[in-house]
Amino acid sequence: MSTLLDRSIAKLGSKFIKDIKYVDIDYRGFITEFADPTISAGAVMINDLKLWVQSSQGDYYRRPTMGGFFDTIRKYPLSLIGANQLNQDLRSAINQNFETIEIMNLEVTPDMENRGWKLQLIVRDTTTGVIAPLVTGVDA
């Protein structure tokens, strides 16, 4: 299965380079002469999600109301009840903002030691079929 997925990703990546003249910029906005403009393990989709998850309200110049989901993170108590509510709200926000992304798995767990949340997210791009993971932490 992973070999078929790897071949599909490589084929799609080469099509983007050859036909679309796609250039990849990582989620932090960096591009160098060594940047590899190919799709690997859903890099484009996951970078868009990472930007959105890590953004604040107003970070998107052309879409000022986009982003900032975690600007109000303090409204979720750092507990299992808060984790369930955060999971539901995050799932709803992803579905609302990313129409071509299907959430395959979303786990939100409180990280008491670091006073934050651990997010484990696996998504599928319904257009390309690419599956990508996102594991990150968010300060509470």
Protein backbone atom coordinates (compact mmCIF):
# COMPACT_ATOMS: atom_id res chain seq x y z
CA MET A 1 0.00 0.00 0.00
CA SER A 2 2.71 2.49 0.93
CA THR A 3 4.61 1.70 -2.28
CA LEU A 4 1.53 2.53 -4.36
CA LEU A 5 1.04 5.70 -2.33
CA ASP A 6 4.72 6.66 -2.75
CA ARG A 7 4.50 6.17 -6.54
CA SER A 8 1.29 8.23 -6.70
CA ILE A 9 2.90 11.04 -4.71
CA ALA A 10 6.02 10.99 -6.91
CA LYS A 11 3.91 11.03 -10.10
CA LEU A 12 1.80 13.91 -8.84
CA GLY A 13 4.94 15.78 -7.72
CA SER A 14 6.60 15.46 -11.13
CA LYS A 15 3.38 16.61 -12.83
CA PHE A 16 3.33 19.72 -10.64
CA ILE A 17 6.94 20.51 -11.53
CA LYS A 18 6.66 19.83 -15.27
CA ASP A 19 3.14 20.99 -16.15
CA ILE A 20 2.20 23.54 -13.50
CA LYS A 21 5.70 24.91 -12.71
CA TYR A 22 4.91 24.48 -9.01
CA VAL A 23 7.44 25.76 -6.46
CA ASP A 24 7.18 24.53 -2.88
CA ILE A 25 7.49 26.92 0.05
CA ASP A 26 7.57 25.30 3.46
CA TYR A 27 4.98 26.21 6.08
CA ARG A 28 7.33 28.74 7.71
CA GLY A 29 7.58 30.62 4.39
CA PHE A 30 11.16 29.69 3.55
CA ILE A 31 12.39 28.77 0.09
CA THR A 32 16.01 28.23 -0.88
CA GLU A 33 17.91 27.00 -3.90
CA PHE A 34 17.82 23.56 -2.27
CA ALA A 35 14.05 23.51 -1.84
CA ASP A 36 12.65 20.40 -3.46
CA PRO A 37 9.46 21.47 -5.27
CA THR A 38 7.78 18.09 -5.03
CA ILE A 39 4.91 16.77 -3.01
CA SER A 40 6.09 14.35 -0.36
CA ALA A 41 3.67 12.76 2.08
CA GLY A 42 1.10 15.49 1.53
CA ALA A 43 3.46 18.41 2.14
CA VAL A 44 1.30 21.01 0.39
CA MET A 45 -1.89 20.05 2.18
CA ILE A 46 -0.24 19.62 5.56
CA ASN A 47 1.61 22.93 5.19
CA ASP A 48 -1.69 24.69 4.56
CA LEU A 49 -3.13 23.08 7.69
CA LYS A 50 -0.02 23.94 9.72
CA LEU A 51 -0.24 27.55 8.64
CA TRP A 52 -3.87 27.66 9.60
CA VAL A 53 -3.41 25.85 12.94
CA GLN A 54 -0.47 28.08 13.92
CA SER A 55 -1.93 31.34 12.64
CA SER A 56 -3.56 34.15 14.51
CA GLN A 57 -6.54 36.22 13.43
CA GLY A 58 -5.37 38.65 10.73
CA ASP A 59 -2.29 36.66 9.61
CA TYR A 60 -3.84 36.00 6.20
CA TYR A 61 -3.55 39.31 4.33
CA ARG A 62 -6.18 38.58 1.67
CA ARG A 63 -8.47 36.69 4.06
CA PRO A 64 -8.32 38.64 7.33
CA THR A 65 -10.99 36.52 9.04
CA MET A 66 -9.13 33.27 8.27
CA GLY A 67 -6.94 31.69 10.95
CA GLY A 68 -6.73 32.26 14.65
CA PHE A 69 -8.53 29.08 15.73
CA PHE A 70 -6.30 28.81 18.81
CA ASP A 71 -6.49 32.52 19.67
CA THR A 72 -9.25 31.53 22.10
CA ILE A 73 -7.56 28.34 23.37
CA ARG A 74 -7.94 29.43 26.98
CA LYS A 75 -11.70 28.83 26.83
CA TYR A 76 -11.01 25.07 26.86
CA PRO A 77 -10.23 23.74 30.34
CA LEU A 78 -7.09 21.56 30.36
CA SER A 79 -9.04 18.37 31.08
CA LEU A 80 -10.71 15.47 29.28
CA ILE A 81 -13.94 17.49 29.03
CA GLY A 82 -12.00 20.36 27.45
CA ALA A 83 -10.27 17.89 25.11
CA ASN A 84 -13.62 16.55 23.87
CA GLN A 85 -14.96 20.07 23.25
CA LEU A 86 -11.71 21.15 21.55
CA ASN A 87 -11.80 18.03 19.37
CA GLN A 88 -15.37 18.79 18.24
CA ASP A 89 -14.69 22.48 17.61
CA LEU A 90 -11.43 21.83 15.74
CA ARG A 91 -13.07 19.14 13.60
CA SER A 92 -15.90 21.54 12.74
CA ALA A 93 -13.49 24.39 11.92
CA ILE A 94 -11.36 22.17 9.66
CA ASN A 95 -14.45 20.94 7.82
CA GLN A 96 -15.65 24.52 7.39
CA ASN A 97 -12.31 25.96 6.18
CA PHE A 98 -10.89 23.04 4.18
CA GLU A 99 -13.57 21.54 1.95
CA THR A 100 -11.22 19.11 0.17
CA ILE A 101 -9.79 17.66 3.39
CA GLU A 102 -11.28 14.59 5.04
CA ILE A 103 -10.35 14.03 8.68
CA MET A 104 -9.41 10.39 9.11
CA ASN A 105 -8.31 10.69 12.74
CA LEU A 106 -8.14 13.52 15.26
CA GLU A 107 -6.88 13.09 18.80
CA VAL A 108 -6.66 15.97 21.25
CA THR A 109 -5.08 15.25 24.60
CA PRO A 110 -4.27 17.59 27.48
CA ASP A 111 -0.54 17.92 28.18
CA MET A 112 -0.58 18.91 31.86
CA GLU A 113 3.20 18.85 32.21
CA ASN A 114 3.72 21.47 29.46
CA ARG A 115 0.43 23.33 30.07
CA GLY A 116 -0.87 22.75 26.58
CA TRP A 117 -2.54 20.38 24.15
CA LYS A 118 -1.16 17.58 21.98
CA LEU A 119 -2.81 17.26 18.59
CA GLN A 120 -2.57 14.20 16.39
CA LEU A 121 -4.33 14.62 13.09
CA ILE A 122 -4.43 12.42 10.00
CA VAL A 123 -6.12 13.90 6.95
CA ARG A 124 -6.77 12.90 3.35
CA ASP A 125 -6.92 15.28 0.41
CA THR A 126 -10.07 14.17 -1.43
CA THR A 127 -8.77 15.68 -4.68
CA THR A 128 -5.43 13.87 -4.83
CA GLY A 129 -5.99 11.05 -2.34
CA VAL A 130 -2.82 12.04 -0.47
CA ILE A 131 -2.84 11.10 3.21
CA ALA A 132 -0.83 13.25 5.63
CA PRO A 133 -0.21 13.34 9.39
CA LEU A 134 0.12 16.36 11.64
CA VAL A 135 1.45 15.99 15.16
CA THR A 136 1.91 19.24 17.07
CA GLY A 137 1.52 20.90 20.41
CA VAL A 138 -0.38 24.05 21.31
CA ASP A 139 0.23 26.13 24.44
CA ALA A 140 -2.80 26.55 26.67
